[in-house]
Amino acid sequence: MKTIAIIGASNDRSKFGNKAVRAFRQQGYQVFPVNPKEETVEGLPAFKSIAAVPVRPQMISVYLPPAV
């Protein structure tokens, strides 16, 4: 299975971090949302950091504001 970590995943459906989670899931990816402030994103468990993701994802996609 294809795997991806979405750094900056969000529960706000208008943000790209949420749109990416949904789009990659629709494409058949196993998605690992990464956001230190969320418990879940789109029904998936959210991880506090990339180091907390239980597998090494094949891809990483980042959606963070420039200040971060």
Protein backbone atom coordinates (compact mmCIF):
# COMPACT_ATOMS: atom_id res chain seq x y z
CA MET A 1 0.00 0.00 0.00
CA LYS A 2 1.15 3.52 -0.77
CA THR A 3 1.80 5.61 2.36
CA ILE A 4 1.99 9.35 2.95
CA ALA A 5 2.36 11.64 5.95
CA ILE A 6 0.56 14.97 5.70
CA ILE A 7 2.40 17.49 7.86
CA GLY A 8 0.00 20.29 8.73
CA ALA A 9 -3.12 18.15 8.33
CA SER A 10 -6.19 20.05 9.53
CA ASN A 11 -9.79 19.46 10.52
CA ASP A 12 -10.75 22.67 8.70
CA ARG A 13 -12.11 21.33 5.40
CA SER A 14 -11.31 24.63 3.64
CA LYS A 15 -7.56 24.28 4.30
CA PHE A 16 -5.18 22.51 1.94
CA GLY A 17 -3.92 20.29 4.79
CA ASN A 18 -7.39 18.77 5.01
CA LYS A 19 -7.98 18.66 1.26
CA ALA A 20 -4.72 16.73 0.86
CA VAL A 21 -5.79 14.13 3.44
CA ARG A 22 -9.04 13.56 1.58
CA ALA A 23 -7.46 13.56 -1.89
CA PHE A 24 -4.73 11.05 -1.01
CA ARG A 25 -7.24 8.76 0.71
CA GLN A 26 -9.41 8.83 -2.42
CA GLN A 27 -6.34 7.77 -4.42
CA GLY A 28 -5.85 4.72 -2.20
CA TYR A 29 -3.04 5.96 0.03
CA GLN A 30 -2.68 5.07 3.69
CA VAL A 31 -2.59 8.59 5.15
CA PHE A 32 -0.87 9.61 8.39
CA PRO A 33 -1.99 13.12 9.43
CA VAL A 34 0.62 15.04 11.43
CA ASN A 35 -0.60 17.90 13.62
CA PRO A 36 0.44 18.46 17.26
CA LYS A 37 -2.89 20.12 18.11
CA GLU A 38 -5.32 17.52 16.72
CA GLU A 39 -6.33 14.08 18.03
CA THR A 40 -7.90 13.00 14.72
CA VAL A 41 -8.20 14.39 11.19
CA GLU A 42 -10.98 13.11 8.93
CA GLY A 43 -11.46 10.15 11.27
CA LEU A 44 -7.78 9.15 11.20
CA PRO A 45 -5.52 9.31 14.27
CA ALA A 46 -3.31 12.39 14.12
CA PHE A 47 0.33 12.21 15.16
CA LYS A 48 2.10 14.91 17.16
CA SER A 49 5.24 14.78 14.97
CA ILE A 50 6.66 12.96 11.98
CA ALA A 51 8.79 10.94 14.41
CA ALA A 52 5.58 9.58 16.00
CA VAL A 53 4.29 8.08 12.72
CA PRO A 54 4.53 4.28 13.19
CA VAL A 55 5.92 3.56 9.70
CA ARG A 56 8.34 5.29 7.39
CA PRO A 57 6.00 6.83 4.80
CA GLN A 58 6.89 6.61 1.13
CA MET A 59 6.00 10.29 0.72
CA ILE A 60 5.62 13.39 2.86
CA SER A 61 3.55 16.41 1.93
CA VAL A 62 3.81 19.66 3.91
CA TYR A 63 1.07 22.26 4.41
CA LEU A 64 2.35 24.83 6.91
CA PRO A 65 2.14 28.62 7.03
CA PRO A 66 5.39 30.43 6.15
CA ALA A 67 5.97 31.53 9.75
CA VAL A 68 6.22 27.89 10.85
